[in-house]
PDB file of N, CA and C in Angstrom:
ATOM      1  N   UNK A   1     228.995-136.264  23.546  1.00  0.00           N
ATOM      2  CA  UNK A   1     228.426-137.384  22.832  1.00  0.00           C
ATOM      3  C   UNK A   1     228.989-138.673  23.395  1.00  0.00           C
ATOM      4  N   UNK A   2     228.300-139.726  23.111  1.00  0.00           N
ATOM      5  CA  UNK A   2     228.776-141.027  23.574  1.00  0.00           C
ATOM      6  C   UNK A   2     230.079-141.363  22.871  1.00  0.00           C
ATOM      7  N   UNK A   3     231.031-141.930  23.606  1.00  0.00           N
ATOM      8  CA  UNK A   3     232.285-142.312  22.985  1.00  0.00           C
ATOM      9  C   UNK A   3     232.039-143.317  21.865  1.00  0.00           C
ATOM     10  N   UNK A   4     232.945-143.311  20.890  1.00  0.00           N
ATOM     11  CA  UNK A   4     232.818-144.236  19.764  1.00  0.00           C
ATOM     12  C   UNK A   4     232.682-145.657  20.295  1.00  0.00           C
ATOM     13  N   UNK A   5     231.790-146.389  19.688  1.00  0.00           N
ATOM     14  CA  UNK A   5     231.559-147.767  20.095  1.00  0.00           C
ATOM     15  C   UNK A   5     230.487-147.913  21.158  1.00  0.00           C
ATOM     16  N   UNK A   6     230.066-146.798  21.757  1.00  0.00           N
ATOM     17  CA  UNK A   6     229.039-146.859  22.797  1.00  0.00           C
ATOM     18  C   UNK A   6     227.665-146.441  22.293  1.00  0.00           C
ATOM     19  N   UNK A   7     227.586-145.972  21.078  1.00  0.00           N
ATOM     20  CA  UNK A   7     226.310-145.602  20.514  1.00  0.00           C
ATOM     21  C   UNK A   7     225.671-146.855  19.936  1.00  0.00           C
ATOM     22  N   UNK A   8     224.329-146.928  19.954  1.00  0.00           N
ATOM     23  CA  UNK A   8     223.667-148.132  19.446  1.00  0.00           C
ATOM     24  C   UNK A   8     224.070-148.479  18.023  1.00  0.00           C
ATOM     25  N   UNK A   9     224.207-147.457  17.159  1.00  0.00           N
ATOM     26  CA  UNK A   9     224.518-147.755  15.768  1.00  0.00           C
ATOM     27  C   UNK A   9     225.950-148.235  15.579  1.00  0.00           C
ATOM     28  N   UNK A  10     226.821-147.994  16.579  1.00  0.00           N
ATOM     29  CA  UNK A  10     228.215-148.402  16.473  1.00  0.00           C
ATOM     30  C   UNK A  10     228.510-149.675  17.256  1.00  0.00           C
ATOM     31  N   UNK A  11     227.614-150.066  18.126  1.00  0.00           N
ATOM     32  CA  UNK A  11     227.878-151.221  18.977  1.00  0.00           C
ATOM     33  C   UNK A  11     227.251-152.495  18.445  1.00  0.00           C
ATOM     34  N   UNK A  12     226.673-152.403  17.259  1.00  0.00           N
ATOM     35  CA  UNK A  12     226.042-153.579  16.686  1.00  0.00           C
ATOM     36  C   UNK A  12     224.551-153.617  16.895  1.00  0.00           C
ATOM     37  N   UNK A  13     224.030-152.824  17.826  1.00  0.00           N
ATOM     38  CA  UNK A  13     222.584-152.759  18.025  1.00  0.00           C
ATOM     39  C   UNK A  13     221.992-151.987  16.865  1.00  0.00           C
ATOM     40  N   UNK A  14     220.979-152.522  16.265  1.00  0.00           N
ATOM     41  CA  UNK A  14     220.368-151.865  15.122  1.00  0.00           C
ATOM     42  C   UNK A  14     218.920-151.553  15.430  1.00  0.00           C
ATOM     43  N   UNK A  15     218.395-150.606  14.638  1.00  0.00           N
ATOM     44  CA  UNK A  15     216.989-150.260  14.797  1.00  0.00           C
ATOM     45  C   UNK A  15     216.156-151.525  14.624  1.00  0.00           C
ATOM     46  N   UNK A  16     215.187-151.675  15.493  1.00  0.00           N
ATOM     47  CA  UNK A  16     214.303-152.820  15.390  1.00  0.00           C
ATOM     48  C   UNK A  16     214.796-154.033  16.151  1.00  0.00           C
ATOM     49  N   UNK A  17     215.937-153.921  16.851  1.00  0.00           N
ATOM     50  CA  UNK A  17     216.424-155.078  17.592  1.00  0.00           C
ATOM     51  C   UNK A  17     215.701-155.236  18.909  1.00  0.00           C
ATOM     52  N   UNK A  18     214.950-154.224  19.319  1.00  0.00           N
ATOM     53  CA  UNK A  18     214.171-154.330  20.541  1.00  0.00           C
ATOM     54  C   UNK A  18     214.948-153.980  21.792  1.00  0.00           C
ATOM     55  N   UNK A  19     216.144-153.433  21.670  1.00  0.00           N
ATOM     56  CA  UNK A  19     216.888-153.082  22.869  1.00  0.00           C
ATOM     57  C   UNK A  19     216.185-151.943  23.588  1.00  0.00           C
ATOM     58  N   UNK A  20     216.275-151.941  24.881  1.00  0.00           N
ATOM     59  CA  UNK A  20     215.647-150.899  25.695  1.00  0.00           C
ATOM     60  C   UNK A  20     216.241-149.545  25.340  1.00  0.00           C
ATOM     61  N   UNK A  21     217.559-149.496  25.172  1.00  0.00           N
ATOM     62  CA  UNK A  21     218.224-148.233  24.854  1.00  0.00           C
ATOM     63  C   UNK A  21     217.692-147.653  23.546  1.00  0.00           C
ATOM     64  N   UNK A  22     217.552-148.479  22.550  1.00  0.00           N
ATOM     65  CA  UNK A  22     217.034-148.022  21.259  1.00  0.00           C
ATOM     66  C   UNK A  22     215.598-147.548  21.394  1.00  0.00           C
ATOM     67  N   UNK A  23     214.784-148.270  22.129  1.00  0.00           N
ATOM     68  CA  UNK A  23     213.385-147.892  22.317  1.00  0.00           C
ATOM     69  C   UNK A  23     213.265-146.559  23.050  1.00  0.00           C
ATOM     70  N   UNK A  24     214.084-146.365  24.061  1.00  0.00           N
ATOM     71  CA  UNK A  24     214.054-145.113  24.822  1.00  0.00           C
ATOM     72  C   UNK A  24     214.489-143.951  23.937  1.00  0.00           C
ATOM     73  N   UNK A  25     215.534-144.158  23.157  1.00  0.00           N
ATOM     74  CA  UNK A  25     216.022-143.112  22.258  1.00  0.00           C
ATOM     75  C   UNK A  25     214.979-142.776  21.196  1.00  0.00           C
ATOM     76  N   UNK A  26     214.347-143.795  20.640  1.00  0.00           N
ATOM     77  CA  UNK A  26     213.301-143.555  19.644  1.00  0.00           C
ATOM     78  C   UNK A  26     212.133-142.793  20.249  1.00  0.00           C
ATOM     79  N   UNK A  27     211.740-143.148  21.452  1.00  0.00           N
ATOM     80  CA  UNK A  27     210.628-142.462  22.119  1.00  0.00           C
ATOM     81  C   UNK A  27     210.974-140.996  22.366  1.00  0.00           C
ATOM     82  N   UNK A  28     212.197-140.737  22.789  1.00  0.00           N
ATOM     83  CA  UNK A  28     212.633-139.362  23.033  1.00  0.00           C
ATOM     84  C   UNK A  28     212.662-138.565  21.735  1.00  0.00           C
ATOM     85  N   UNK A  29     213.086-139.196  20.663  1.00  0.00           N
ATOM     86  CA  UNK A  29     213.134-138.529  19.360  1.00  0.00           C
ATOM     87  C   UNK A  29     211.728-138.218  18.865  1.00  0.00           C
ATOM     88  N   UNK A  30     210.817-139.164  19.014  1.00  0.00           N
ATOM     89  CA  UNK A  30     209.424-138.934  18.616  1.00  0.00           C
ATOM     90  C   UNK A  30     208.795-137.817  19.450  1.00  0.00           C
ATOM     91  N   UNK A  31     209.070-137.819  20.743  1.00  0.00           N
ATOM     92  CA  UNK A  31     208.518-136.780  21.623  1.00  0.00           C
ATOM     93  C   UNK A  31     209.022-135.402  21.205  1.00  0.00           C
ATOM     94  N   UNK A  32     210.294-135.326  20.840  1.00  0.00           N
ATOM     95  CA  UNK A  32     210.864-134.053  20.402  1.00  0.00           C
ATOM     96  C   UNK A  32     210.214-133.618  19.090  1.00  0.00           C
ATOM     97  N   UNK A  33     210.010-134.550  18.177  1.00  0.00           N
ATOM     98  CA  UNK A  33     209.349-134.226  16.917  1.00  0.00           C
ATOM     99  C   UNK A  33     207.929-133.736  17.125  1.00  0.00           C
ATOM    100  N   UNK A  34     207.210-134.395  18.007  1.00  0.00           N
ATOM    101  CA  UNK A  34     205.833-133.975  18.309  1.00  0.00           C
ATOM    102  C   UNK A  34     205.814-132.582  18.911  1.00  0.00           C
ATOM    103  N   UNK A  35     206.772-132.308  19.770  1.00  0.00           N
ATOM    104  CA  UNK A  35     206.821-130.995  20.401  1.00  0.00           C
ATOM    105  C   UNK A  35     207.203-129.921  19.391  1.00  0.00           C
ATOM    106  N   UNK A  36     208.006-130.279  18.414  1.00  0.00           N
ATOM    107  CA  UNK A  36     208.337-129.341  17.339  1.00  0.00           C
ATOM    108  C   UNK A  36     207.062-128.928  16.612  1.00  0.00           C
ATOM    109  N   UNK A  37     206.205-129.897  16.349  1.00  0.00           N
ATOM    110  CA  UNK A  37     204.923-129.603  15.694  1.00  0.00           C
ATOM    111  C   UNK A  37     204.036-128.733  16.576  1.00  0.00           C
ATOM    112  N   UNK A  38     204.071-128.964  17.883  1.00  0.00           N
ATOM    113  CA  UNK A  38     203.282-128.133  18.799  1.00  0.00           C
ATOM    114  C   UNK A  38     203.749-126.679  18.738  1.00  0.00           C
ATOM    115  N   UNK A  39     205.053-126.485  18.649  1.00  0.00           N
ATOM    116  CA  UNK A  39     205.603-125.125  18.533  1.00  0.00           C
ATOM    117  C   UNK A  39     205.152-124.474  17.227  1.00  0.00           C
ATOM    118  N   UNK A  40     205.254-125.221  16.139  1.00  0.00           N
ATOM    119  CA  UNK A  40     204.851-124.696  14.839  1.00  0.00           C
ATOM    120  C   UNK A  40     203.365-124.358  14.828  1.00  0.00           C
ATOM    121  N   UNK A  41     202.540-125.243  15.364  1.00  0.00           N
ATOM    122  CA  UNK A  41     201.099-124.994  15.398  1.00  0.00           C
ATOM    123  C   UNK A  41     200.762-123.757  16.222  1.00  0.00           C
ATOM    124  N   UNK A  42     201.439-123.591  17.350  1.00  0.00           N
ATOM    125  CA  UNK A  42     201.197-122.405  18.185  1.00  0.00           C
ATOM    126  C   UNK A  42     201.600-121.135  17.453  1.00  0.00           C
ATOM    127  N   UNK A  43     202.713-121.204  16.725  1.00  0.00           N
ATOM    128  CA  UNK A  43     203.158-120.040  15.955  1.00  0.00           C
ATOM    129  C   UNK A  43     202.143-119.719  14.857  1.00  0.00           C
ATOM    130  N   UNK A  44     201.736-120.739  14.114  1.00  0.00           N
ATOM    131  CA  UNK A  44     200.790-120.531  13.018  1.00  0.00           C
ATOM    132  C   UNK A  44     199.440-120.027  13.516  1.00  0.00           C
ATOM    133  N   UNK A  45     199.069-120.412  14.723  1.00  0.00           N
ATOM    134  CA  UNK A  45     197.811-119.953  15.323  1.00  0.00           C
ATOM    135  C   UNK A  45     197.958-118.570  15.955  1.00  0.00           C
ATOM    136  N   UNK A  46     199.153-118.010  15.884  1.00  0.00           N
ATOM    137  CA  UNK A  46     199.464-116.711  16.486  1.00  0.00           C
ATOM    138  C   UNK A  46     199.051-116.692  17.956  1.00  0.00           C
ATOM    139  N   UNK A  47     199.499-117.717  18.673  1.00  0.00           N
ATOM    140  CA  UNK A  47     199.169-117.858  20.089  1.00  0.00           C
ATOM    141  C   UNK A  47     200.465-117.772  20.905  1.00  0.00           C
ATOM    142  N   UNK A  48     200.864-116.565  21.309  1.00  0.00           N
ATOM    143  CA  UNK A  48     202.141-116.387  22.011  1.00  0.00           C
ATOM    144  C   UNK A  48     202.250-117.186  23.309  1.00  0.00           C
ATOM    145  N   UNK A  49     201.170-117.278  24.071  1.00  0.00           N
ATOM    146  CA  UNK A  49     201.224-118.029  25.325  1.00  0.00           C
ATOM    147  C   UNK A  49     201.480-119.504  25.065  1.00  0.00           C
ATOM    148  N   UNK A  50     200.758-120.048  24.111  1.00  0.00           N
ATOM    149  CA  UNK A  50     200.933-121.456  23.763  1.00  0.00           C
ATOM    150  C   UNK A  50     202.327-121.692  23.181  1.00  0.00           C
ATOM    151  N   UNK A  51     202.813-120.758  22.373  1.00  0.00           N
ATOM    152  CA  UNK A  51     204.143-120.892  21.792  1.00  0.00           C
ATOM    153  C   UNK A  51     205.219-120.869  22.872  1.00  0.00           C
ATOM    154  N   UNK A  52     205.086-119.986  23.843  1.00  0.00           N
ATOM    155  CA  UNK A  52     206.063-119.926  24.929  1.00  0.00           C
ATOM    156  C   UNK A  52     206.081-121.237  25.711  1.00  0.00           C
ATOM    157  N   UNK A  53     204.907-121.764  26.018  1.00  0.00           N
ATOM    158  CA  UNK A  53     204.826-123.031  26.748  1.00  0.00           C
ATOM    159  C   UNK A  53     205.389-124.181  25.917  1.00  0.00           C
ATOM    160  N   UNK A  54     204.978-124.264  24.655  1.00  0.00           N
ATOM    161  CA  UNK A  54     205.448-125.349  23.785  1.00  0.00           C
ATOM    162  C   UNK A  54     206.964-125.279  23.600  1.00  0.00           C
ATOM    163  N   UNK A  55     207.501-124.078  23.521  1.00  0.00           N
ATOM    164  CA  UNK A  55     208.947-123.912  23.360  1.00  0.00           C
ATOM    165  C   UNK A  55     209.701-124.371  24.600  1.00  0.00           C
ATOM    166  N   UNK A  56     209.159-124.067  25.772  1.00  0.00           N
ATOM    167  CA  UNK A  56     209.790-124.506  27.019  1.00  0.00           C
ATOM    168  C   UNK A  56     209.794-126.026  27.110  1.00  0.00           C
ATOM    169  N   UNK A  57     208.686-126.649  26.748  1.00  0.00           N
ATOM    170  CA  UNK A  57     208.616-128.111  26.762  1.00  0.00           C
ATOM    171  C   UNK A  57     209.575-128.690  25.733  1.00  0.00           C
ATOM    172  N   UNK A  58     209.687-128.039  24.574  1.00  0.00           N
ATOM    173  CA  UNK A  58     210.635-128.470  23.535  1.00  0.00           C
ATOM    174  C   UNK A  58     212.058-128.498  24.089  1.00  0.00           C
ATOM    175  N   UNK A  59     212.436-127.440  24.790  1.00  0.00           N
ATOM    176  CA  UNK A  59     213.790-127.379  25.347  1.00  0.00           C
ATOM    177  C   UNK A  59     214.014-128.489  26.372  1.00  0.00           C
ATOM    178  N   UNK A  60     213.004-128.786  27.171  1.00  0.00           N
ATOM    179  CA  UNK A  60     213.120-129.898  28.131  1.00  0.00           C
ATOM    180  C   UNK A  60     213.322-131.224  27.401  1.00  0.00           C
ATOM    181  N   UNK A  61     212.560-131.442  26.346  1.00  0.00           N
ATOM    182  CA  UNK A  61     212.673-132.690  25.593  1.00  0.00           C
ATOM    183  C   UNK A  61     214.005-132.771  24.854  1.00  0.00           C
ATOM    184  N   UNK A  62     214.473-131.639  24.349  1.00  0.00           N
ATOM    185  CA  UNK A  62     215.785-131.603  23.694  1.00  0.00           C
ATOM    186  C   UNK A  62     216.881-131.929  24.698  1.00  0.00           C
ATOM    187  N   UNK A  63     216.782-131.370  25.887  1.00  0.00           N
ATOM    188  CA  UNK A  63     217.740-131.663  26.942  1.00  0.00           C
ATOM    189  C   UNK A  63     217.760-133.140  27.294  1.00  0.00           C
ATOM    190  N   UNK A  64     216.578-133.746  27.335  1.00  0.00           N
ATOM    191  CA  UNK A  64     216.487-135.186  27.623  1.00  0.00           C
ATOM    192  C   UNK A  64     217.158-136.007  26.521  1.00  0.00           C
ATOM    193  N   UNK A  65     216.942-135.625  25.266  1.00  0.00           N
ATOM    194  CA  UNK A  65     217.573-136.336  24.150  1.00  0.00           C
ATOM    195  C   UNK A  65     219.085-136.189  24.214  1.00  0.00           C
ATOM    196  N   UNK A  66     219.568-134.997  24.509  1.00  0.00           N
ATOM    197  CA  UNK A  66     221.020-134.797  24.659  1.00  0.00           C
ATOM    198  C   UNK A  66     221.568-135.657  25.780  1.00  0.00           C
ATOM    199  N   UNK A  67     220.811-135.755  26.869  1.00  0.00           N
ATOM    200  CA  UNK A  67     221.241-136.580  27.998  1.00  0.00           C
ATOM    201  C   UNK A  67     221.343-138.042  27.572  1.00  0.00           C
ATOM    202  N   UNK A  68     220.352-138.528  26.863  1.00  0.00           N
ATOM    203  CA  UNK A  68     220.377-139.916  26.394  1.00  0.00           C
ATOM    204  C   UNK A  68     221.533-140.170  25.436  1.00  0.00           C
ATOM    205  N   UNK A  69     221.855-139.174  24.629  1.00  0.00           N
ATOM    206  CA  UNK A  69     222.938-139.292  23.656  1.00  0.00           C
ATOM    207  C   UNK A  69     224.300-138.919  24.260  1.00  0.00           C
ATOM    208  N   UNK A  70     224.282-138.579  25.549  1.00  0.00           N
ATOM    209  CA  UNK A  70     225.496-138.216  26.272  1.00  0.00           C
ATOM    210  C   UNK A  70     226.222-137.023  25.650  1.00  0.00           C
ATOM    211  N   UNK A  71     225.455-136.053  25.219  1.00  0.00           N
ATOM    212  CA  UNK A  71     226.012-134.817  24.686  1.00  0.00           C
ATOM    213  C   UNK A  71     226.409-133.950  25.875  1.00  0.00           C
ATOM    214  N   UNK A  72     227.635-133.519  25.895  1.00  0.00           N
ATOM    215  CA  UNK A  72     228.146-132.685  26.984  1.00  0.00           C
ATOM    216  C   UNK A  72     227.681-131.243  26.816  1.00  0.00           C
ATOM    217  N   UNK A  73     227.405-130.574  27.928  1.00  0.00           N
ATOM    218  CA  UNK A  73     226.964-129.187  27.865  1.00  0.00           C
ATOM    219  C   UNK A  73     228.016-128.301  27.211  1.00  0.00           C
ATOM    220  N   UNK A  74     229.286-128.640  27.355  1.00  0.00           N
ATOM    221  CA  UNK A  74     230.354-127.870  26.712  1.00  0.00           C
ATOM    222  C   UNK A  74     230.235-127.945  25.185  1.00  0.00           C
ATOM    223  N   UNK A  75     229.798-129.097  24.659  1.00  0.00           N
ATOM    224  CA  UNK A  75     229.606-129.244  23.224  1.00  0.00           C
ATOM    225  C   UNK A  75     228.464-128.362  22.729  1.00  0.00           C
ATOM    226  N   UNK A  76     227.385-128.302  23.510  1.00  0.00           N
ATOM    227  CA  UNK A  76     226.242-127.462  23.155  1.00  0.00           C
ATOM    228  C   UNK A  76     226.678-125.998  23.165  1.00  0.00           C
ATOM    229  N   UNK A  77     227.398-125.600  24.197  1.00  0.00           N
ATOM    230  CA  UNK A  77     227.866-124.225  24.301  1.00  0.00           C
ATOM    231  C   UNK A  77     228.778-123.876  23.132  1.00  0.00           C
ATOM    232  N   UNK A  78     229.680-124.769  22.773  1.00  0.00           N
ATOM    233  CA  UNK A  78     230.601-124.539  21.656  1.00  0.00           C
ATOM    234  C   UNK A  78     229.830-124.369  20.343  1.00  0.00           C
ATOM    235  N   UNK A  79     228.832-125.207  20.110  1.00  0.00           N
ATOM    236  CA  UNK A  79     228.036-125.123  18.884  1.00  0.00           C
ATOM    237  C   UNK A  79     227.261-123.812  18.824  1.00  0.00           C
ATOM    238  N   UNK A  80     226.623-123.444  19.932  1.00  0.00           N
ATOM    239  CA  UNK A  80     225.866-122.188  19.950  1.00  0.00           C
ATOM    240  C   UNK A  80     226.778-120.990  19.754  1.00  0.00           C
ATOM    241  N   UNK A  81     227.948-121.022  20.365  1.00  0.00           N
ATOM    242  CA  UNK A  81     228.914-119.940  20.208  1.00  0.00           C
ATOM    243  C   UNK A  81     229.361-119.825  18.755  1.00  0.00           C
ATOM    244  N   UNK A  82     229.617-120.967  18.103  1.00  0.00           N
ATOM    245  CA  UNK A  82     230.025-120.951  16.697  1.00  0.00           C
ATOM    246  C   UNK A  82     228.940-120.347  15.820  1.00  0.00           C
ATOM    247  N   UNK A  83     227.676-120.655  16.117  1.00  0.00           N
ATOM    248  CA  UNK A  83     226.573-120.107  15.324  1.00  0.00           C
ATOM    249  C   UNK A  83     226.447-118.604  15.515  1.00  0.00           C
ATOM    250  N   UNK A  84     226.599-118.145  16.751  1.00  0.00           N
ATOM    251  CA  UNK A  84     226.527-116.705  17.019  1.00  0.00           C
ATOM    252  C   UNK A  84     227.678-115.989  16.324  1.00  0.00           C
ATOM    253  N   UNK A  85     228.874-116.546  16.415  1.00  0.00           N
ATOM    254  CA  UNK A  85     230.038-115.931  15.751  1.00  0.00           C
ATOM    255  C   UNK A  85     229.842-115.868  14.243  1.00  0.00           C
ATOM    256  N   UNK A  86     229.339-116.937  13.636  1.00  0.00           N
ATOM    257  CA  UNK A  86     229.073-116.930  12.199  1.00  0.00           C
ATOM    258  C   UNK A  86     228.049-115.863  11.857  1.00  0.00           C
ATOM    259  N   UNK A  87     227.017-115.757  12.645  1.00  0.00           N
ATOM    260  CA  UNK A  87     225.995-114.747  12.415  1.00  0.00           C
ATOM    261  C   UNK A  87     226.595-113.347  12.444  1.00  0.00           C
ATOM    262  N   UNK A  88     227.451-113.084  13.420  1.00  0.00           N
ATOM    263  CA  UNK A  88     228.115-111.775  13.523  1.00  0.00           C
ATOM    264  C   UNK A  88     229.011-111.524  12.314  1.00  0.00           C
ATOM    265  N   UNK A  89     229.751-112.536  11.884  1.00  0.00           N
ATOM    266  CA  UNK A  89     230.635-112.383  10.726  1.00  0.00           C
ATOM    267  C   UNK A  89     229.834-112.074   9.462  1.00  0.00           C
ATOM    268  N   UNK A  90     228.763-112.805   9.258  1.00  0.00           N
ATOM    269  CA  UNK A  90     227.938-112.582   8.074  1.00  0.00           C
ATOM    270  C   UNK A  90     227.285-111.207   8.121  1.00  0.00           C
ATOM    271  N   UNK A  91     226.822-110.806   9.295  1.00  0.00           N
ATOM    272  CA  UNK A  91     226.211-109.481   9.451  1.00  0.00           C
ATOM    273  C   UNK A  91     227.226-108.390   9.138  1.00  0.00           C
ATOM    274  N   UNK A  92     228.460-108.557   9.632  1.00  0.00           N
ATOM    275  CA  UNK A  92     229.518-107.570   9.395  1.00  0.00           C
ATOM    276  C   UNK A  92     229.849-107.441   7.905  1.00  0.00           C
ATOM    277  N   UNK A  93     229.675-108.509   7.170  1.00  0.00           N
ATOM    278  CA  UNK A  93     229.931-108.489   5.721  1.00  0.00           C
ATOM    279  C   UNK A  93     228.715-108.045   4.920  1.00  0.00           C
ATOM    280  N   UNK A  94     227.643-107.749   5.594  1.00  0.00           N
ATOM    281  CA  UNK A  94     226.435-107.310   4.919  1.00  0.00           C
ATOM    282  C   UNK A  94     225.632-108.451   4.320  1.00  0.00           C
ATOM    283  N   UNK A  95     225.919-109.669   4.736  1.00  0.00           N
ATOM    284  CA  UNK A  95     225.205-110.834   4.216  1.00  0.00           C
ATOM    285  C   UNK A  95     223.996-111.079   5.108  1.00  0.00           C
ATOM    286  N   UNK A  96     222.832-111.080   4.502  1.00  0.00           N
ATOM    287  CA  UNK A  96     221.598-111.281   5.248  1.00  0.00           C
ATOM    288  C   UNK A  96     220.946-112.583   4.820  1.00  0.00           C
ATOM    289  N   UNK A  97     220.242-113.185   5.732  1.00  0.00           N
ATOM    290  CA  UNK A  97     219.507-114.413   5.423  1.00  0.00           C
ATOM    291  C   UNK A  97     218.266-114.040   4.623  1.00  0.00           C
ATOM    292  N   UNK A  98     218.269-114.395   3.357  1.00  0.00           N
ATOM    293  CA  UNK A  98     217.122-114.103   2.497  1.00  0.00           C
ATOM    294  C   UNK A  98     216.745-115.348   1.725  1.00  0.00           C
ATOM    295  N   UNK A  99     215.486-115.584   1.646  1.00  0.00           N
ATOM    296  CA  UNK A  99     214.992-116.750   0.922  1.00  0.00           C
ATOM    297  C   UNK A  99     215.357-116.624  -0.559  1.00  0.00           C
ATOM    298  N   UNK A 100     215.812-117.718  -1.125  1.00  0.00           N
ATOM    299  CA  UNK A 100     216.118-117.741  -2.543  1.00  0.00           C
ATOM    300  C   UNK A 100     217.554-117.373  -2.881  1.00  0.00           C
ATOM    301  N   UNK A 101     218.344-117.017  -1.875  1.00  0.00           N
ATOM    302  CA  UNK A 101     219.745-116.699  -2.130  1.00  0.00           C
ATOM    303  C   UNK A 101     220.615-117.809  -1.565  1.00  0.00           C
ATOM    304  N   UNK A 102     221.905-117.729  -1.815  1.00  0.00           N
ATOM    305  CA  UNK A 102     222.814-118.782  -1.397  1.00  0.00           C
ATOM    306  C   UNK A 102     222.878-118.996   0.105  1.00  0.00           C
ATOM    307  N   UNK A 103     222.809-117.952   0.872  1.00  0.00           N
ATOM    308  CA  UNK A 103     222.900-118.061   2.329  1.00  0.00           C
ATOM    309  C   UNK A 103     221.523-117.881   2.928  1.00  0.00           C
ATOM    310  N   UNK A 104     221.132-118.804   3.826  1.00  0.00           N
ATOM    311  CA  UNK A 104     219.786-118.726   4.392  1.00  0.00           C
ATOM    312  C   UNK A 104     219.746-118.755   5.911  1.00  0.00           C
ATOM    313  N   UNK A 105     220.793-119.278   6.574  1.00  0.00           N
ATOM    314  CA  UNK A 105     220.733-119.341   8.027  1.00  0.00           C
ATOM    315  C   UNK A 105     222.131-119.518   8.600  1.00  0.00           C
ATOM    316  N   UNK A 106     222.214-119.527   9.918  1.00  0.00           N
ATOM    317  CA  UNK A 106     223.492-119.764  10.576  1.00  0.00           C
ATOM    318  C   UNK A 106     223.608-121.207  11.030  1.00  0.00           C
ATOM    319  N   UNK A 107     222.793-122.081  10.467  1.00  0.00           N
ATOM    320  CA  UNK A 107     222.878-123.493  10.825  1.00  0.00           C
ATOM    321  C   UNK A 107     224.203-124.044  10.313  1.00  0.00           C
ATOM    322  N   UNK A 108     224.899-124.724  11.178  1.00  0.00           N
ATOM    323  CA  UNK A 108     226.180-125.312  10.811  1.00  0.00           C
ATOM    324  C   UNK A 108     226.042-126.813  10.693  1.00  0.00           C
ATOM    325  N   UNK A 109     226.889-127.428   9.884  1.00  0.00           N
ATOM    326  CA  UNK A 109     226.805-128.899   9.765  1.00  0.00           C
ATOM    327  C   UNK A 109     227.119-129.597  11.058  1.00  0.00           C
TER     328      UNK A 109
END
């Protein structure tokens, strides 16, 4: 991630100030959101080919957003590893992700 003080929200730049950095970040965020919808639509349409393509484009757009936010690949790896480990721990305890119960996913804060 960007060091403290180097992010737009920490450097005094605010949304709507018209800075190029803010505009680029907003565009990348919107593109990622749109691609998320493309993935969902492909899934709902039961179109595996379209879903595979939309998912690949989603990952490219996510990578671009991480690049803009200066997220290090080591941070991504650490987060994914933590989620996998949590999933294994919950599975070992017999805890399953079920709708309507206290635990629903391995998403971490």
